[in-house]
Amino acid sequence: RNAFDAELINELSQAFVDVGRARAVVLAG
């Protein structure tokens, strides 16, 4: 159910560090 663990927390942090030229980010599960 897309629950948090250490891996998911780390990957989410990395994904949002640099979104490049994105004009919008869609966050979904």
PDB file of all heavy atoms in Angstrom:
ATOM      1  N   ARG A   1       0.827  -1.211   0.000  1.00  0.00           N
ATOM      2  CA  ARG A   1       0.000   0.000   0.000  1.00  0.00           C
ATOM      3  C   ARG A   1       0.868   1.271   0.000  1.00  0.00           C
ATOM      4  O   ARG A   1       0.515   2.289   0.557  1.00  0.00           O
ATOM      5  CB  ARG A   1      -0.969  -0.001   1.178  1.00  0.00           C
ATOM      6  CG  ARG A   1      -2.008  -1.110   1.121  1.00  0.00           C
ATOM      7  CD  ARG A   1      -3.172  -0.841   2.019  1.00  0.00           C
ATOM      8  NE  ARG A   1      -2.783  -0.737   3.421  1.00  0.00           N
ATOM      9  CZ  ARG A   1      -3.526  -0.195   4.375  1.00  0.00           C
ATOM     10  NH1 ARG A   1      -4.707   0.310   4.074  1.00  0.00           N
ATOM     11  NH2 ARG A   1      -3.100  -0.159   5.607  1.00  0.00           N
ATOM     12  N   ASN A   2       2.027   1.161  -0.657  1.00  0.00           N
ATOM     13  CA  ASN A   2       2.971   2.278  -0.805  1.00  0.00           C
ATOM     14  C   ASN A   2       3.391   2.857   0.543  1.00  0.00           C
ATOM     15  O   ASN A   2       3.639   4.060   0.680  1.00  0.00           O
ATOM     16  CB  ASN A   2       2.363   3.371  -1.695  1.00  0.00           C
ATOM     17  CG  ASN A   2       2.075   2.865  -3.084  1.00  0.00           C
ATOM     18  OD1 ASN A   2       2.906   2.207  -3.705  1.00  0.00           O
ATOM     19  ND2 ASN A   2       0.878   3.133  -3.586  1.00  0.00           N
ATOM     20  N   ALA A   3       3.476   1.997   1.549  1.00  0.00           N
ATOM     21  CA  ALA A   3       3.870   2.439   2.882  1.00  0.00           C
ATOM     22  C   ALA A   3       5.358   2.795   2.908  1.00  0.00           C
ATOM     23  O   ALA A   3       6.167   2.251   2.157  1.00  0.00           O
ATOM     24  CB  ALA A   3       3.574   1.342   3.903  1.00  0.00           C
ATOM     25  N   PHE A   4       5.697   3.694   3.806  1.00  0.00           N
ATOM     26  CA  PHE A   4       7.069   4.173   3.916  1.00  0.00           C
ATOM     27  C   PHE A   4       7.989   3.157   4.565  1.00  0.00           C
ATOM     28  O   PHE A   4       7.645   2.521   5.562  1.00  0.00           O
ATOM     29  CB  PHE A   4       7.127   5.438   4.780  1.00  0.00           C
ATOM     30  CG  PHE A   4       6.584   6.661   4.118  1.00  0.00           C
ATOM     31  CD1 PHE A   4       5.460   7.293   4.643  1.00  0.00           C
ATOM     32  CD2 PHE A   4       7.182   7.207   2.996  1.00  0.00           C
ATOM     33  CE1 PHE A   4       4.951   8.436   4.052  1.00  0.00           C
ATOM     34  CE2 PHE A   4       6.678   8.337   2.395  1.00  0.00           C
ATOM     35  CZ  PHE A   4       5.557   8.955   2.926  1.00  0.00           C
ATOM     36  N   ASP A   5       9.173   3.039   3.998  1.00  0.00           N
ATOM     37  CA  ASP A   5      10.303   2.428   4.686  1.00  0.00           C
ATOM     38  C   ASP A   5      11.518   3.277   4.358  1.00  0.00           C
ATOM     39  O   ASP A   5      11.414   4.302   3.663  1.00  0.00           O
ATOM     40  CB  ASP A   5      10.499   0.958   4.290  1.00  0.00           C
ATOM     41  CG  ASP A   5      10.824   0.767   2.805  1.00  0.00           C
ATOM     42  OD1 ASP A   5      10.971   1.768   2.062  1.00  0.00           O
ATOM     43  OD2 ASP A   5      10.941  -0.406   2.380  1.00  0.00           O
ATOM     44  N   ALA A   6      12.678   2.912   4.875  1.00  0.00           N
ATOM     45  CA  ALA A   6      13.867   3.741   4.695  1.00  0.00           C
ATOM     46  C   ALA A   6      14.210   3.932   3.224  1.00  0.00           C
ATOM     47  O   ALA A   6      14.621   5.016   2.797  1.00  0.00           O
ATOM     48  CB  ALA A   6      15.050   3.121   5.434  1.00  0.00           C
ATOM     49  N   GLU A   7      14.031   2.871   2.418  1.00  0.00           N
ATOM     50  CA  GLU A   7      14.354   2.951   0.989  1.00  0.00           C
ATOM     51  C   GLU A   7      13.452   3.950   0.273  1.00  0.00           C
ATOM     52  O   GLU A   7      13.926   4.786  -0.506  1.00  0.00           O
ATOM     53  CB  GLU A   7      14.230   1.578   0.341  1.00  0.00           C
ATOM     54  CG  GLU A   7      14.549   1.572  -1.156  1.00  0.00           C
ATOM     55  CD  GLU A   7      14.310   0.218  -1.802  1.00  0.00           C
ATOM     56  OE1 GLU A   7      13.841  -0.701  -1.113  1.00  0.00           O
ATOM     57  OE2 GLU A   7      14.579   0.102  -3.015  1.00  0.00           O
ATOM     58  N   LEU A   8      12.149   3.864   0.524  1.00  0.00           N
ATOM     59  CA  LEU A   8      11.219   4.768  -0.148  1.00  0.00           C
ATOM     60  C   LEU A   8      11.461   6.214   0.263  1.00  0.00           C
ATOM     61  O   LEU A   8      11.417   7.130  -0.571  1.00  0.00           O
ATOM     62  CB  LEU A   8       9.778   4.369   0.165  1.00  0.00           C
ATOM     63  CG  LEU A   8       8.678   5.230  -0.469  1.00  0.00           C
ATOM     64  CD1 LEU A   8       8.833   5.289  -1.987  1.00  0.00           C
ATOM     65  CD2 LEU A   8       7.296   4.709  -0.088  1.00  0.00           C
ATOM     66  N   ILE A   9      11.732   6.439   1.530  1.00  0.00           N
ATOM     67  CA  ILE A   9      12.016   7.797   2.011  1.00  0.00           C
ATOM     68  C   ILE A   9      13.244   8.361   1.312  1.00  0.00           C
ATOM     69  O   ILE A   9      13.239   9.508   0.844  1.00  0.00           O
ATOM     70  CB  ILE A   9      12.214   7.788   3.541  1.00  0.00           C
ATOM     71  CG1 ILE A   9      10.877   7.518   4.234  1.00  0.00           C
ATOM     72  CG2 ILE A   9      12.822   9.098   4.033  1.00  0.00           C
ATOM     73  CD1 ILE A   9      11.002   7.234   5.716  1.00  0.00           C
ATOM     74  N   ASN A  10      14.293   7.560   1.209  1.00  0.00           N
ATOM     75  CA  ASN A  10      15.521   8.016   0.549  1.00  0.00           C
ATOM     76  C   ASN A  10      15.283   8.293  -0.935  1.00  0.00           C
ATOM     77  O   ASN A  10      15.735   9.324  -1.461  1.00  0.00           O
ATOM     78  CB  ASN A  10      16.615   6.959   0.713  1.00  0.00           C
ATOM     79  CG  ASN A  10      17.897   7.353   0.021  1.00  0.00           C
ATOM     80  OD1 ASN A  10      18.542   8.342   0.364  1.00  0.00           O
ATOM     81  ND2 ASN A  10      18.288   6.575  -0.976  1.00  0.00           N
ATOM     82  N   GLU A  11      14.552   7.415  -1.609  1.00  0.00           N
ATOM     83  CA  GLU A  11      14.320   7.600  -3.041  1.00  0.00           C
ATOM     84  C   GLU A  11      13.448   8.814  -3.318  1.00  0.00           C
ATOM     85  O   GLU A  11      13.674   9.552  -4.292  1.00  0.00           O
ATOM     86  CB  GLU A  11      13.698   6.342  -3.639  1.00  0.00           C
ATOM     87  CG  GLU A  11      14.664   5.162  -3.707  1.00  0.00           C
ATOM     88  CD  GLU A  11      14.115   3.992  -4.524  1.00  0.00           C
ATOM     89  OE1 GLU A  11      13.191   4.214  -5.333  1.00  0.00           O
ATOM     90  OE2 GLU A  11      14.620   2.881  -4.356  1.00  0.00           O
ATOM     91  N   LEU A  12      12.446   9.056  -2.469  1.00  0.00           N
ATOM     92  CA  LEU A  12      11.617  10.248  -2.639  1.00  0.00           C
ATOM     93  C   LEU A  12      12.440  11.511  -2.456  1.00  0.00           C
ATOM     94  O   LEU A  12      12.293  12.479  -3.213  1.00  0.00           O
ATOM     95  CB  LEU A  12      10.459  10.230  -1.643  1.00  0.00           C
ATOM     96  CG  LEU A  12       9.133   9.639  -2.114  1.00  0.00           C
ATOM     97  CD1 LEU A  12       8.153   9.553  -0.953  1.00  0.00           C
ATOM     98  CD2 LEU A  12       8.534  10.445  -3.255  1.00  0.00           C
ATOM     99  N   SER A  13      13.293  11.504  -1.457  1.00  0.00           N
ATOM    100  CA  SER A  13      14.152  12.673  -1.220  1.00  0.00           C
ATOM    101  C   SER A  13      15.014  12.962  -2.435  1.00  0.00           C
ATOM    102  O   SER A  13      15.120  14.110  -2.886  1.00  0.00           O
ATOM    103  CB  SER A  13      15.043  12.441   0.011  1.00  0.00           C
ATOM    104  OG  SER A  13      14.267  12.323   1.186  1.00  0.00           O
ATOM    105  N   GLN A  14      15.621  11.930  -2.994  1.00  0.00           N
ATOM    106  CA  GLN A  14      16.492  12.096  -4.149  1.00  0.00           C
ATOM    107  C   GLN A  14      15.709  12.573  -5.369  1.00  0.00           C
ATOM    108  O   GLN A  14      16.188  13.413  -6.146  1.00  0.00           O
ATOM    109  CB  GLN A  14      17.208  10.775  -4.457  1.00  0.00           C
ATOM    110  CG  GLN A  14      18.210  10.342  -3.405  1.00  0.00           C
ATOM    111  CD  GLN A  14      19.317  11.353  -3.209  1.00  0.00           C
ATOM    112  OE1 GLN A  14      19.859  11.905  -4.172  1.00  0.00           O
ATOM    113  NE2 GLN A  14      19.659  11.623  -1.963  1.00  0.00           N
ATOM    114  N   ALA A  15      14.503  12.052  -5.555  1.00  0.00           N
ATOM    115  CA  ALA A  15      13.713  12.403  -6.735  1.00  0.00           C
ATOM    116  C   ALA A  15      13.331  13.873  -6.757  1.00  0.00           C
ATOM    117  O   ALA A  15      13.199  14.477  -7.832  1.00  0.00           O
ATOM    118  CB  ALA A  15      12.461  11.528  -6.795  1.00  0.00           C
ATOM    119  N   PHE A  16      13.142  14.461  -5.571  1.00  0.00           N
ATOM    120  CA  PHE A  16      12.718  15.853  -5.509  1.00  0.00           C
ATOM    121  C   PHE A  16      13.880  16.833  -5.337  1.00  0.00           C
ATOM    122  O   PHE A  16      13.664  18.043  -5.319  1.00  0.00           O
ATOM    123  CB  PHE A  16      11.710  16.054  -4.376  1.00  0.00           C
ATOM    124  CG  PHE A  16      10.306  15.683  -4.753  1.00  0.00           C
ATOM    125  CD1 PHE A  16       9.840  14.395  -4.551  1.00  0.00           C
ATOM    126  CD2 PHE A  16       9.456  16.624  -5.319  1.00  0.00           C
ATOM    127  CE1 PHE A  16       8.541  14.046  -4.906  1.00  0.00           C
ATOM    128  CE2 PHE A  16       8.159  16.294  -5.679  1.00  0.00           C
ATOM    129  CZ  PHE A  16       7.699  14.994  -5.466  1.00  0.00           C
ATOM    130  N   VAL A  17      15.102  16.332  -5.209  1.00  0.00           N
ATOM    131  CA  VAL A  17      16.254  17.230  -5.068  1.00  0.00           C
ATOM    132  C   VAL A  17      16.443  18.072  -6.317  1.00  0.00           C
ATOM    133  O   VAL A  17      16.698  19.279  -6.262  1.00  0.00           O
ATOM    134  CB  VAL A  17      17.530  16.424  -4.748  1.00  0.00           C
ATOM    135  CG1 VAL A  17      18.782  17.275  -4.977  1.00  0.00           C
ATOM    136  CG2 VAL A  17      17.509  15.938  -3.315  1.00  0.00           C
ATOM    137  N   ASP A  18      16.326  17.434  -7.473  1.00  0.00           N
ATOM    138  CA  ASP A  18      16.530  18.151  -8.734  1.00  0.00           C
ATOM    139  C   ASP A  18      15.473  17.694  -9.733  1.00  0.00           C
ATOM    140  O   ASP A  18      15.559  16.594 -10.284  1.00  0.00           O
ATOM    141  CB  ASP A  18      17.936  17.894  -9.278  1.00  0.00           C
ATOM    142  CG  ASP A  18      18.200  18.656 -10.565  1.00  0.00           C
ATOM    143  OD1 ASP A  18      17.368  19.528 -10.922  1.00  0.00           O
ATOM    144  OD2 ASP A  18      19.226  18.381 -11.220  1.00  0.00           O
ATOM    145  N   VAL A  19      14.481  18.517  -9.945  1.00  0.00           N
ATOM    146  CA  VAL A  19      13.415  18.149 -10.890  1.00  0.00           C
ATOM    147  C   VAL A  19      13.697  18.693 -12.285  1.00  0.00           C
ATOM    148  O   VAL A  19      12.848  18.608 -13.178  1.00  0.00           O
ATOM    149  CB  VAL A  19      12.044  18.648 -10.394  1.00  0.00           C
ATOM    150  CG1 VAL A  19      11.696  17.983  -9.069  1.00  0.00           C
ATOM    151  CG2 VAL A  19      12.011  20.163 -10.264  1.00  0.00           C
ATOM    152  N   GLY A  20      14.889  19.261 -12.465  1.00  0.00           N
ATOM    153  CA  GLY A  20      15.266  19.745 -13.784  1.00  0.00           C
ATOM    154  C   GLY A  20      14.375  20.875 -14.272  1.00  0.00           C
ATOM    155  O   GLY A  20      14.018  21.775 -13.530  1.00  0.00           O
ATOM    156  N   ARG A  21      13.965  20.785 -15.531  1.00  0.00           N
ATOM    157  CA  ARG A  21      13.140  21.829 -16.137  1.00  0.00           C
ATOM    158  C   ARG A  21      11.644  21.530 -16.051  1.00  0.00           C
ATOM    159  O   ARG A  21      10.846  22.154 -16.760  1.00  0.00           O
ATOM    160  CB  ARG A  21      13.551  22.025 -17.607  1.00  0.00           C
ATOM    161  CG  ARG A  21      14.958  22.604 -17.776  1.00  0.00           C
ATOM    162  CD  ARG A  21      15.299  22.749 -19.249  1.00  0.00           C
ATOM    163  NE  ARG A  21      16.554  23.457 -19.441  1.00  0.00           N
ATOM    164  CZ  ARG A  21      16.681  24.771 -19.526  1.00  0.00           C
ATOM    165  NH1 ARG A  21      15.592  25.533 -19.453  1.00  0.00           N
ATOM    166  NH2 ARG A  21      17.845  25.348 -19.697  1.00  0.00           N
ATOM    167  N   ALA A  22      11.292  20.590 -15.206  1.00  0.00           N
ATOM    168  CA  ALA A  22       9.876  20.232 -15.080  1.00  0.00           C
ATOM    169  C   ALA A  22       9.044  21.447 -14.687  1.00  0.00           C
ATOM    170  O   ALA A  22       9.410  22.215 -13.806  1.00  0.00           O
ATOM    171  CB  ALA A  22       9.706  19.134 -14.038  1.00  0.00           C
ATOM    172  N   ARG A  23       7.918  21.623 -15.346  1.00  0.00           N
ATOM    173  CA  ARG A  23       7.011  22.725 -15.020  1.00  0.00           C
ATOM    174  C   ARG A  23       5.970  22.314 -13.994  1.00  0.00           C
ATOM    175  O   ARG A  23       5.292  23.159 -13.419  1.00  0.00           O
ATOM    176  CB  ARG A  23       6.348  23.226 -16.290  1.00  0.00           C
ATOM    177  CG  ARG A  23       7.348  23.765 -17.317  1.00  0.00           C
ATOM    178  CD  ARG A  23       6.661  24.406 -18.492  1.00  0.00           C
ATOM    179  NE  ARG A  23       5.911  25.607 -18.106  1.00  0.00           N
ATOM    180  CZ  ARG A  23       5.259  26.390 -18.968  1.00  0.00           C
ATOM    181  NH1 ARG A  23       5.281  26.089 -20.260  1.00  0.00           N
ATOM    182  NH2 ARG A  23       4.605  27.448 -18.557  1.00  0.00           N
ATOM    183  N   ALA A  24       5.857  20.999 -13.781  1.00  0.00           N
ATOM    184  CA  ALA A  24       4.958  20.480 -12.758  1.00  0.00           C
ATOM    185  C   ALA A  24       5.384  19.056 -12.428  1.00  0.00           C
ATOM    186  O   ALA A  24       5.961  18.344 -13.263  1.00  0.00           O
ATOM    187  CB  ALA A  24       3.509  20.505 -13.226  1.00  0.00           C
ATOM    188  N   VAL A  25       5.105  18.645 -11.194  1.00  0.00           N
ATOM    189  CA  VAL A  25       5.405  17.288 -10.741  1.00  0.00           C
ATOM    190  C   VAL A  25       4.107  16.646 -10.269  1.00  0.00           C
ATOM    191  O   VAL A  25       3.387  17.228  -9.450  1.00  0.00           O
ATOM    192  CB  VAL A  25       6.427  17.282  -9.586  1.00  0.00           C
ATOM    193  CG1 VAL A  25       6.708  15.847  -9.146  1.00  0.00           C
ATOM    194  CG2 VAL A  25       7.717  17.986  -9.990  1.00  0.00           C
ATOM    195  N   VAL A  26       3.790  15.470 -10.802  1.00  0.00           N
ATOM    196  CA  VAL A  26       2.625  14.718 -10.356  1.00  0.00           C
ATOM    197  C   VAL A  26       3.108  13.609  -9.436  1.00  0.00           C
ATOM    198  O   VAL A  26       3.903  12.750  -9.828  1.00  0.00           O
ATOM    199  CB  VAL A  26       1.838  14.121 -11.540  1.00  0.00           C
ATOM    200  CG1 VAL A  26       0.710  13.223 -11.018  1.00  0.00           C
ATOM    201  CG2 VAL A  26       1.275  15.228 -12.416  1.00  0.00           C
ATOM    202  N   LEU A  27       2.645  13.637  -8.196  1.00  0.00           N
ATOM    203  CA  LEU A  27       3.008  12.634  -7.201  1.00  0.00           C
ATOM    204  C   LEU A  27       1.819  11.694  -7.017  1.00  0.00           C
ATOM    205  O   LEU A  27       0.725  12.129  -6.663  1.00  0.00           O
ATOM    206  CB  LEU A  27       3.364  13.310  -5.879  1.00  0.00           C
ATOM    207  CG  LEU A  27       3.721  12.396  -4.704  1.00  0.00           C
ATOM    208  CD1 LEU A  27       4.948  11.553  -5.026  1.00  0.00           C
ATOM    209  CD2 LEU A  27       3.966  13.231  -3.448  1.00  0.00           C
ATOM    210  N   ALA A  28       2.036  10.413  -7.270  1.00  0.00           N
ATOM    211  CA  ALA A  28       0.941   9.443  -7.225  1.00  0.00           C
ATOM    212  C   ALA A  28       1.403   8.168  -6.543  1.00  0.00           C
ATOM    213  O   ALA A  28       2.593   7.982  -6.247  1.00  0.00           O
ATOM    214  CB  ALA A  28       0.457   9.140  -8.647  1.00  0.00           C
ATOM    215  N   GLY A  29       0.446   7.294  -6.279  1.00  0.00           N
ATOM    216  CA  GLY A  29       0.743   5.991  -5.696  1.00  0.00           C
ATOM    217  C   GLY A  29       0.130   4.897  -6.542  1.00  0.00           C
ATOM    218  O   GLY A  29      -1.027   4.993  -6.953  1.00  0.00           O
TER     219      GLY A  29
END
